[in-house]
Amino acid sequence: MSHQRDLLVVGAGTLGSLLIQQHKEKFPEARVVAETRTDAKHEALKSLGAEARTVSQAGDEKFANVVFCAAPGGNDNYAAEVDRALNMWSGAGKFVFTSSGGVYAESSGGTVNEQSPVASSARTQKLIDAEKCTTERGGSVLRLAGLYTLERGAHNYWLNAGKVDGRPDGLIGLVSYEDAAAAALTVLSSEKSVKGEVFVICDGKEQTRQDICESALKTAMYRDKKLPVFTTTEGPIGKRYDISKALELGWKPRYPSFDEFCDLHK
């Protein structure tokens, strides 16, 4: 039975590592293989209970479940990489591709869902092409809002840089890496049909850039930092995310907002 829960994680960085940890906790007998570009993090991945390999070590083996969460940076033909991962999927379980909420065209404060128009740019096209590869072959897509941990994310960049190239009241949707991994696990373990489906993943409580910085300043890690300078009061306002489809599937973020996450790290 455990082989039905076996999992290949392609691009096992921060998100992939958290997914491996959560998957092993839920399905301890399942075999998990983590694929990375280099072997730099292989010992850490093995400590989570995963087998680790580089891309060059991949063979012809197929897996019941595959999650592709490698970042698009450095991949000249991103869709081809996703297609390669799809070829390692047996189709017995689920295939999940982690995309980005940045694909949406909305920037005037409106709300987006899975059917909302996407932007037309070289950056978004790379993701859209990869999404299309996924859904056409029966996989599922997660459009993730801005990812964060305490140490990583927009707040860390802005507070360390001391300035923000954006309006202070611009809306930013966020979701913790932990909750994003849980969303992937929800899809993997769902008994509902998710073939070809897209899911918007966000905590559902967008904050402004200034609010994000002020939330982070409450924490022990950032309390000695100063509120950054915002370089403009013009430009895109951002967007809100409708996450009702993901909630209906059974996913629920552990951290209801970035502000509440920060309250836990004072």
C-alpha atoms as a PDB file:
ATOM      1  CA  MET A   1       0.000   0.000   0.000  1.00  0.00           C
ATOM      2  CA  SER A   2       2.866   2.367   0.838  1.00  0.00           C
ATOM      3  CA  HIS A   3       4.028   2.540  -2.797  1.00  0.00           C
ATOM      4  CA  GLN A   4       0.803   4.375  -3.615  1.00  0.00           C
ATOM      5  CA  ARG A   5       2.116   7.165  -1.366  1.00  0.00           C
ATOM      6  CA  ASP A   6       5.663   7.114  -2.741  1.00  0.00           C
ATOM      7  CA  LEU A   7       6.780  10.600  -3.718  1.00  0.00           C
ATOM      8  CA  LEU A   8       9.377  12.260  -5.926  1.00  0.00           C
ATOM      9  CA  VAL A   9      10.122  15.893  -5.075  1.00  0.00           C
ATOM     10  CA  VAL A  10      11.868  17.732  -7.908  1.00  0.00           C
ATOM     11  CA  GLY A  11      13.595  20.839  -6.602  1.00  0.00           C
ATOM     12  CA  ALA A  12      13.838  20.022  -2.904  1.00  0.00           C
ATOM     13  CA  GLY A  13      14.750  23.438  -1.496  1.00  0.00           C
ATOM     14  CA  THR A  14      12.955  25.133   1.402  1.00  0.00           C
ATOM     15  CA  LEU A  15       9.465  24.286   0.144  1.00  0.00           C
ATOM     16  CA  GLY A  16      10.370  20.779  -0.975  1.00  0.00           C
ATOM     17  CA  SER A  17      12.109  19.985   2.312  1.00  0.00           C
ATOM     18  CA  LEU A  18       9.058  21.031   4.320  1.00  0.00           C
ATOM     19  CA  LEU A  19       6.852  18.921   2.067  1.00  0.00           C
ATOM     20  CA  ILE A  20       9.105  15.895   2.583  1.00  0.00           C
ATOM     21  CA  GLN A  21       8.935  16.371   6.338  1.00  0.00           C
ATOM     22  CA  GLN A  22       5.142  16.671   6.341  1.00  0.00           C
ATOM     23  CA  HIS A  23       4.682  13.751   3.937  1.00  0.00           C
ATOM     24  CA  LYS A  24       6.878  11.460   6.058  1.00  0.00           C
ATOM     25  CA  GLU A  25       4.930  12.445   9.169  1.00  0.00           C
ATOM     26  CA  LYS A  26       1.629  11.574   7.501  1.00  0.00           C
ATOM     27  CA  PHE A  27       2.852   8.535   5.546  1.00  0.00           C
ATOM     28  CA  PRO A  28       5.908   7.213   7.436  1.00  0.00           C
ATOM     29  CA  GLU A  29       6.137   4.031   5.347  1.00  0.00           C
ATOM     30  CA  ALA A  30       6.173   5.899   2.039  1.00  0.00           C
ATOM     31  CA  ARG A  31       9.370   6.154   0.027  1.00  0.00           C
ATOM     32  CA  VAL A  32      10.391   9.722  -0.751  1.00  0.00           C
ATOM     33  CA  VAL A  33      13.052  10.701  -3.272  1.00  0.00           C
ATOM     34  CA  ALA A  34      14.400  14.261  -3.371  1.00  0.00           C
ATOM     35  CA  GLU A  35      15.945  15.495  -6.611  1.00  0.00           C
ATOM     36  CA  THR A  36      18.218  18.545  -6.657  1.00  0.00           C
ATOM     37  CA  ARG A  37      20.650  20.224  -9.057  1.00  0.00           C
ATOM     38  CA  THR A  38      23.623  19.655  -6.728  1.00  0.00           C
ATOM     39  CA  ASP A  39      24.332  17.410  -3.740  1.00  0.00           C
ATOM     40  CA  ALA A  40      24.903  20.347  -1.357  1.00  0.00           C
ATOM     41  CA  LYS A  41      21.783  19.633   0.731  1.00  0.00           C
ATOM     42  CA  HIS A  42      21.664  15.864   0.377  1.00  0.00           C
ATOM     43  CA  GLU A  43      22.678  15.089   3.962  1.00  0.00           C
ATOM     44  CA  ALA A  44      19.934  17.380   5.278  1.00  0.00           C
ATOM     45  CA  LEU A  45      17.388  15.728   2.973  1.00  0.00           C
ATOM     46  CA  LYS A  46      18.485  12.264   4.089  1.00  0.00           C
ATOM     47  CA  SER A  47      17.998  13.337   7.711  1.00  0.00           C
ATOM     48  CA  LEU A  48      14.328  13.941   6.848  1.00  0.00           C
ATOM     49  CA  GLY A  49      14.010  10.336   5.707  1.00  0.00           C
ATOM     50  CA  ALA A  50      14.325  10.957   1.982  1.00  0.00           C
ATOM     51  CA  GLU A  51      16.612   9.405  -0.580  1.00  0.00           C
ATOM     52  CA  ALA A  52      18.566  12.121  -2.369  1.00  0.00           C
ATOM     53  CA  ARG A  53      19.819  12.336  -5.935  1.00  0.00           C
ATOM     54  CA  THR A  54      20.935  14.939  -8.432  1.00  0.00           C
ATOM     55  CA  VAL A  55      19.185  15.547 -11.750  1.00  0.00           C
ATOM     56  CA  SER A  56      22.014  13.744 -13.539  1.00  0.00           C
ATOM     57  CA  GLN A  57      21.409  10.642 -11.407  1.00  0.00           C
ATOM     58  CA  ALA A  58      17.753  10.313 -12.433  1.00  0.00           C
ATOM     59  CA  GLY A  59      16.900   7.127 -14.284  1.00  0.00           C
ATOM     60  CA  ASP A  60      13.768   5.735 -15.911  1.00  0.00           C
ATOM     61  CA  GLU A  61      11.925   4.986 -12.670  1.00  0.00           C
ATOM     62  CA  LYS A  62       8.384   6.312 -12.363  1.00  0.00           C
ATOM     63  CA  PHE A  63       6.670   7.460  -9.177  1.00  0.00           C
ATOM     64  CA  ALA A  64       3.025   7.388  -8.098  1.00  0.00           C
ATOM     65  CA  ASN A  65       3.256  10.988  -6.899  1.00  0.00           C
ATOM     66  CA  VAL A  66       5.485  13.815  -8.095  1.00  0.00           C
ATOM     67  CA  VAL A  67       5.793  17.414  -6.906  1.00  0.00           C
ATOM     68  CA  PHE A  68       7.762  19.907  -8.996  1.00  0.00           C
ATOM     69  CA  CYS A  69       8.817  22.875  -6.883  1.00  0.00           C
ATOM     70  CA  ALA A  70      12.077  23.966  -8.518  1.00  0.00           C
ATOM     71  CA  ALA A  71      12.264  27.726  -9.016  1.00  0.00           C
ATOM     72  CA  PRO A  72      12.200  29.033 -12.617  1.00  0.00           C
ATOM     73  CA  GLY A  73      15.420  31.007 -12.201  1.00  0.00           C
ATOM     74  CA  GLY A  74      18.302  29.391 -14.066  1.00  0.00           C
ATOM     75  CA  ASN A  75      15.996  27.163 -16.092  1.00  0.00           C
ATOM     76  CA  ASP A  76      16.130  28.411 -19.679  1.00  0.00           C
ATOM     77  CA  ASN A  77      13.406  25.977 -20.718  1.00  0.00           C
ATOM     78  CA  TYR A  78      11.307  25.697 -17.592  1.00  0.00           C
ATOM     79  CA  ALA A  79       8.368  23.968 -19.280  1.00  0.00           C
ATOM     80  CA  ALA A  80      10.731  21.284 -20.575  1.00  0.00           C
ATOM     81  CA  GLU A  81      11.929  20.656 -17.016  1.00  0.00           C
ATOM     82  CA  VAL A  82       8.335  20.259 -15.854  1.00  0.00           C
ATOM     83  CA  ASP A  83       7.692  17.954 -18.806  1.00  0.00           C
ATOM     84  CA  ARG A  84      10.690  15.853 -17.758  1.00  0.00           C
ATOM     85  CA  ALA A  85       9.199  15.561 -14.269  1.00  0.00           C
ATOM     86  CA  LEU A  86       5.832  14.577 -15.754  1.00  0.00           C
ATOM     87  CA  ASN A  87       7.593  11.757 -17.594  1.00  0.00           C
ATOM     88  CA  MET A  88       8.677  10.397 -14.192  1.00  0.00           C
ATOM     89  CA  TRP A  89       5.065  10.269 -12.999  1.00  0.00           C
ATOM     90  CA  SER A  90       3.266   6.936 -13.349  1.00  0.00           C
ATOM     91  CA  GLY A  91      -0.150   8.610 -13.187  1.00  0.00           C
ATOM     92  CA  ALA A  92      -1.225   6.389 -10.296  1.00  0.00           C
ATOM     93  CA  GLY A  93      -1.326   9.245  -7.807  1.00  0.00           C
ATOM     94  CA  LYS A  94      -1.007  13.009  -8.153  1.00  0.00           C
ATOM     95  CA  PHE A  95       1.334  15.442  -9.897  1.00  0.00           C
ATOM     96  CA  VAL A  96       1.660  18.927  -8.417  1.00  0.00           C
ATOM     97  CA  PHE A  97       3.405  21.938  -9.959  1.00  0.00           C
ATOM     98  CA  THR A  98       4.007  24.939  -7.715  1.00  0.00           C
ATOM     99  CA  SER A  99       3.454  28.114  -9.716  1.00  0.00           C
ATOM    100  CA  SER A 100       3.042  31.704  -8.556  1.00  0.00           C
ATOM    101  CA  GLY A 101       0.252  34.174  -7.913  1.00  0.00           C
ATOM    102  CA  GLY A 102       2.487  36.580  -9.813  1.00  0.00           C
ATOM    103  CA  VAL A 103       1.017  35.276 -13.079  1.00  0.00           C
ATOM    104  CA  TYR A 104      -2.139  37.353 -12.631  1.00  0.00           C
ATOM    105  CA  ALA A 105      -2.750  40.553 -14.562  1.00  0.00           C
ATOM    106  CA  GLU A 106      -4.733  42.200 -11.748  1.00  0.00           C
ATOM    107  CA  SER A 107      -2.869  45.075 -10.072  1.00  0.00           C
ATOM    108  CA  SER A 108      -5.577  47.557  -9.065  1.00  0.00           C
ATOM    109  CA  GLY A 109      -6.647  46.002  -5.779  1.00  0.00           C
ATOM    110  CA  GLY A 110      -9.162  43.553  -7.225  1.00  0.00           C
ATOM    111  CA  THR A 111      -9.625  39.912  -6.241  1.00  0.00           C
ATOM    112  CA  VAL A 112      -8.298  37.013  -8.301  1.00  0.00           C
ATOM    113  CA  ASN A 113      -9.365  33.389  -8.459  1.00  0.00           C
ATOM    114  CA  GLU A 114      -8.377  30.398 -10.557  1.00  0.00           C
ATOM    115  CA  GLN A 115     -10.118  31.775 -13.671  1.00  0.00           C
ATOM    116  CA  SER A 116      -8.772  35.334 -13.525  1.00  0.00           C
ATOM    117  CA  PRO A 117      -6.794  36.708 -16.501  1.00  0.00           C
ATOM    118  CA  VAL A 118      -3.033  36.238 -16.445  1.00  0.00           C
ATOM    119  CA  ALA A 119      -0.413  38.816 -17.365  1.00  0.00           C
ATOM    120  CA  SER A 120       1.404  38.811 -20.676  1.00  0.00           C
ATOM    121  CA  SER A 121       5.144  39.021 -20.083  1.00  0.00           C
ATOM    122  CA  ALA A 122       8.229  36.887 -20.592  1.00  0.00           C
ATOM    123  CA  ARG A 123       8.428  36.225 -16.847  1.00  0.00           C
ATOM    124  CA  THR A 124       4.849  35.039 -16.496  1.00  0.00           C
ATOM    125  CA  GLN A 125       4.873  33.143 -19.796  1.00  0.00           C
ATOM    126  CA  LYS A 126       7.535  30.792 -18.460  1.00  0.00           C
ATOM    127  CA  LEU A 127       5.183  29.842 -15.619  1.00  0.00           C
ATOM    128  CA  ILE A 128       2.062  29.710 -17.784  1.00  0.00           C
ATOM    129  CA  ASP A 129       3.769  27.348 -20.241  1.00  0.00           C
ATOM    130  CA  ALA A 130       4.757  25.079 -17.350  1.00  0.00           C
ATOM    131  CA  GLU A 131       1.222  25.225 -15.946  1.00  0.00           C
ATOM    132  CA  LYS A 132      -0.180  24.220 -19.337  1.00  0.00           C
ATOM    133  CA  CYS A 133       2.179  21.224 -19.538  1.00  0.00           C
ATOM    134  CA  THR A 134       0.957  20.168 -16.109  1.00  0.00           C
ATOM    135  CA  THR A 135      -2.792  20.514 -16.555  1.00  0.00           C
ATOM    136  CA  GLU A 136      -2.839  19.003 -20.052  1.00  0.00           C
ATOM    137  CA  ARG A 137      -1.325  15.824 -18.635  1.00  0.00           C
ATOM    138  CA  GLY A 138      -3.609  15.588 -15.612  1.00  0.00           C
ATOM    139  CA  GLY A 139      -1.481  17.320 -13.018  1.00  0.00           C
ATOM    140  CA  SER A 140      -2.515  20.035 -10.575  1.00  0.00           C
ATOM    141  CA  VAL A 141      -1.191  23.580 -10.223  1.00  0.00           C
ATOM    142  CA  LEU A 142      -0.765  25.615  -7.044  1.00  0.00           C
ATOM    143  CA  ARG A 143      -0.522  29.370  -7.624  1.00  0.00           C
ATOM    144  CA  LEU A 144       1.311  30.437  -4.492  1.00  0.00           C
ATOM    145  CA  ALA A 145       1.221  33.912  -2.971  1.00  0.00           C
ATOM    146  CA  GLY A 146       4.439  35.410  -1.576  1.00  0.00           C
ATOM    147  CA  LEU A 147       6.309  32.752   0.397  1.00  0.00           C
ATOM    148  CA  TYR A 148       7.971  33.395   3.733  1.00  0.00           C
ATOM    149  CA  THR A 149       9.642  31.989   6.813  1.00  0.00           C
ATOM    150  CA  LEU A 150      10.847  34.164   9.672  1.00  0.00           C
ATOM    151  CA  GLU A 151      14.234  34.408   7.973  1.00  0.00           C
ATOM    152  CA  ARG A 152      13.090  34.567   4.351  1.00  0.00           C
ATOM    153  CA  GLY A 153      10.608  36.655   2.412  1.00  0.00           C
ATOM    154  CA  ALA A 154       9.793  40.201   1.373  1.00  0.00           C
ATOM    155  CA  HIS A 155       9.971  41.484   4.952  1.00  0.00           C
ATOM    156  CA  ASN A 156      13.555  40.271   5.353  1.00  0.00           C
ATOM    157  CA  TYR A 157      14.651  41.847   2.081  1.00  0.00           C
ATOM    158  CA  TRP A 158      12.948  45.169   2.750  1.00  0.00           C
ATOM    159  CA  LEU A 159      14.123  45.578   6.345  1.00  0.00           C
ATOM    160  CA  ASN A 160      17.712  44.710   5.464  1.00  0.00           C
ATOM    161  CA  ALA A 161      17.724  46.926   2.366  1.00  0.00           C
ATOM    162  CA  GLY A 162      16.270  49.872   4.276  1.00  0.00           C
ATOM    163  CA  LYS A 163      14.093  50.889   1.344  1.00  0.00           C
ATOM    164  CA  VAL A 164      11.153  49.548  -0.625  1.00  0.00           C
ATOM    165  CA  ASP A 165      10.670  50.211  -4.336  1.00  0.00           C
ATOM    166  CA  GLY A 166       6.900  50.286  -4.068  1.00  0.00           C
ATOM    167  CA  ARG A 167       4.025  52.188  -2.520  1.00  0.00           C
ATOM    168  CA  PRO A 168       3.512  51.612   1.222  1.00  0.00           C
ATOM    169  CA  ASP A 169      -0.197  50.868   0.753  1.00  0.00           C
ATOM    170  CA  GLY A 170       0.408  48.280  -1.983  1.00  0.00           C
ATOM    171  CA  LEU A 171      -1.293  44.961  -1.203  1.00  0.00           C
ATOM    172  CA  ILE A 172       0.782  41.795  -0.893  1.00  0.00           C
ATOM    173  CA  GLY A 173      -0.660  38.302  -0.530  1.00  0.00           C
ATOM    174  CA  LEU A 174       1.433  35.950   1.577  1.00  0.00           C
ATOM    175  CA  VAL A 175       1.562  32.308   2.628  1.00  0.00           C
ATOM    176  CA  SER A 176       4.139  30.621   4.834  1.00  0.00           C
ATOM    177  CA  TYR A 177       6.406  27.997   3.291  1.00  0.00           C
ATOM    178  CA  GLU A 178       4.977  25.585   5.848  1.00  0.00           C
ATOM    179  CA  ASP A 179       1.399  26.240   4.742  1.00  0.00           C
ATOM    180  CA  ALA A 180       2.346  26.076   1.058  1.00  0.00           C
ATOM    181  CA  ALA A 181       3.870  22.635   1.658  1.00  0.00           C
ATOM    182  CA  ALA A 182       0.689  21.616   3.470  1.00  0.00           C
ATOM    183  CA  ALA A 183      -1.331  22.732   0.439  1.00  0.00           C
ATOM    184  CA  ALA A 184       0.712  20.425  -1.792  1.00  0.00           C
ATOM    185  CA  LEU A 185       0.185  17.588   0.690  1.00  0.00           C
ATOM    186  CA  THR A 186      -3.559  18.290   0.716  1.00  0.00           C
ATOM    187  CA  VAL A 187      -3.668  17.843  -3.056  1.00  0.00           C
ATOM    188  CA  LEU A 188      -1.487  14.718  -2.923  1.00  0.00           C
ATOM    189  CA  SER A 189      -3.686  13.047  -0.330  1.00  0.00           C
ATOM    190  CA  SER A 190      -7.059  14.261  -1.615  1.00  0.00           C
ATOM    191  CA  GLU A 191      -9.631  11.628  -2.480  1.00  0.00           C
ATOM    192  CA  LYS A 192     -11.345  14.124  -4.767  1.00  0.00           C
ATOM    193  CA  SER A 193     -10.386  14.382  -8.419  1.00  0.00           C
ATOM    194  CA  VAL A 194      -7.866  17.178  -8.891  1.00  0.00           C
ATOM    195  CA  LYS A 195      -6.722  16.291 -12.406  1.00  0.00           C
ATOM    196  CA  GLY A 196      -6.033  19.429 -14.426  1.00  0.00           C
ATOM    197  CA  GLU A 197      -7.099  21.692 -11.571  1.00  0.00           C
ATOM    198  CA  VAL A 198      -5.570  25.006 -10.484  1.00  0.00           C
ATOM    199  CA  PHE A 199      -5.654  26.189  -6.859  1.00  0.00           C
ATOM    200  CA  VAL A 200      -4.922  29.658  -5.475  1.00  0.00           C
ATOM    201  CA  ILE A 201      -2.893  29.407  -2.254  1.00  0.00           C
ATOM    202  CA  CYS A 202      -2.681  32.407   0.092  1.00  0.00           C
ATOM    203  CA  ASP A 203      -3.418  32.969   3.779  1.00  0.00           C
ATOM    204  CA  GLY A 204      -6.383  35.086   2.712  1.00  0.00           C
ATOM    205  CA  LYS A 205      -5.381  38.181   4.685  1.00  0.00           C
ATOM    206  CA  GLU A 206      -3.387  40.434   2.402  1.00  0.00           C
ATOM    207  CA  GLN A 207      -1.302  43.127   4.068  1.00  0.00           C
ATOM    208  CA  THR A 208       0.174  46.345   2.753  1.00  0.00           C
ATOM    209  CA  ARG A 209       3.933  46.620   2.336  1.00  0.00           C
ATOM    210  CA  GLN A 210       4.092  48.941   5.326  1.00  0.00           C
ATOM    211  CA  ASP A 211       1.963  46.594   7.447  1.00  0.00           C
ATOM    212  CA  ILE A 212       4.250  43.680   6.542  1.00  0.00           C
ATOM    213  CA  CYS A 213       7.295  45.623   7.704  1.00  0.00           C
ATOM    214  CA  GLU A 214       5.555  46.740  10.905  1.00  0.00           C
ATOM    215  CA  SER A 215       4.490  43.154  11.629  1.00  0.00           C
ATOM    216  CA  ALA A 216       8.071  41.918  11.218  1.00  0.00           C
ATOM    217  CA  LEU A 217       9.401  44.669  13.495  1.00  0.00           C
ATOM    218  CA  LYS A 218       7.412  43.093  16.358  1.00  0.00           C
ATOM    219  CA  THR A 219       9.585  39.974  16.256  1.00  0.00           C
ATOM    220  CA  ALA A 220      12.768  39.366  18.236  1.00  0.00           C
ATOM    221  CA  MET A 221      14.708  38.900  15.008  1.00  0.00           C
ATOM    222  CA  TYR A 222      13.822  42.294  13.518  1.00  0.00           C
ATOM    223  CA  ARG A 223      12.947  44.555  16.441  1.00  0.00           C
ATOM    224  CA  ASP A 224      16.253  46.430  16.139  1.00  0.00           C
ATOM    225  CA  LYS A 225      15.576  47.257  12.487  1.00  0.00           C
ATOM    226  CA  LYS A 226      13.920  50.456  11.331  1.00  0.00           C
ATOM    227  CA  LEU A 227      10.896  50.901   9.113  1.00  0.00           C
ATOM    228  CA  PRO A 228      12.272  51.169   5.559  1.00  0.00           C
ATOM    229  CA  VAL A 229      11.828  54.163   3.300  1.00  0.00           C
ATOM    230  CA  PHE A 230       9.164  53.730   0.621  1.00  0.00           C
ATOM    231  CA  THR A 231      10.437  55.278  -2.603  1.00  0.00           C
ATOM    232  CA  THR A 232       7.083  56.011  -4.243  1.00  0.00           C
ATOM    233  CA  THR A 233       3.398  56.564  -3.557  1.00  0.00           C
ATOM    234  CA  GLU A 234       2.423  55.602  -7.087  1.00  0.00           C
ATOM    235  CA  GLY A 235       2.297  52.406  -9.105  1.00  0.00           C
ATOM    236  CA  PRO A 236       0.300  49.158  -8.912  1.00  0.00           C
ATOM    237  CA  ILE A 237      -1.837  48.594  -5.822  1.00  0.00           C
ATOM    238  CA  GLY A 238      -1.670  44.811  -5.995  1.00  0.00           C
ATOM    239  CA  LYS A 239      -4.407  42.225  -5.596  1.00  0.00           C
ATOM    240  CA  ARG A 240      -6.411  40.093  -3.221  1.00  0.00           C
ATOM    241  CA  TYR A 241      -6.742  36.319  -3.460  1.00  0.00           C
ATOM    242  CA  ASP A 242      -9.902  34.212  -3.365  1.00  0.00           C
ATOM    243  CA  ILE A 243      -8.823  30.944  -1.717  1.00  0.00           C
ATOM    244  CA  SER A 244     -12.269  29.346  -1.411  1.00  0.00           C
ATOM    245  CA  LYS A 245     -11.425  26.507  -3.829  1.00  0.00           C
ATOM    246  CA  ALA A 246      -8.400  25.410  -1.788  1.00  0.00           C
ATOM    247  CA  LEU A 247     -10.388  25.643   1.441  1.00  0.00           C
ATOM    248  CA  GLU A 248     -13.113  23.457  -0.065  1.00  0.00           C
ATOM    249  CA  LEU A 249     -10.470  20.840  -0.855  1.00  0.00           C
ATOM    250  CA  GLY A 250      -9.611  20.691   2.842  1.00  0.00           C
ATOM    251  CA  TRP A 251      -6.544  22.920   3.110  1.00  0.00           C
ATOM    252  CA  LYS A 252      -6.428  25.471   5.908  1.00  0.00           C
ATOM    253  CA  PRO A 253      -3.399  27.664   6.661  1.00  0.00           C
ATOM    254  CA  ARG A 254      -1.859  27.159  10.092  1.00  0.00           C
ATOM    255  CA  TYR A 255      -0.948  30.840  10.116  1.00  0.00           C
ATOM    256  CA  PRO A 256      -4.049  32.951   9.297  1.00  0.00           C
ATOM    257  CA  SER A 257      -1.896  35.976   8.493  1.00  0.00           C
ATOM    258  CA  PHE A 258       1.713  37.141   8.448  1.00  0.00           C
ATOM    259  CA  ASP A 259       0.905  39.450  11.350  1.00  0.00           C
ATOM    260  CA  GLU A 260      -0.300  36.538  13.488  1.00  0.00           C
ATOM    261  CA  PHE A 261       2.785  34.542  12.472  1.00  0.00           C
ATOM    262  CA  CYS A 262       4.954  37.401  13.718  1.00  0.00           C
ATOM    263  CA  ASP A 263       3.057  37.489  17.024  1.00  0.00           C
ATOM    264  CA  LEU A 264       4.386  33.976  17.662  1.00  0.00           C
ATOM    265  CA  HIS A 265       7.996  35.146  17.306  1.00  0.00           C
ATOM    266  CA  LYS A 266       8.141  38.177  19.575  1.00  0.00           C
END
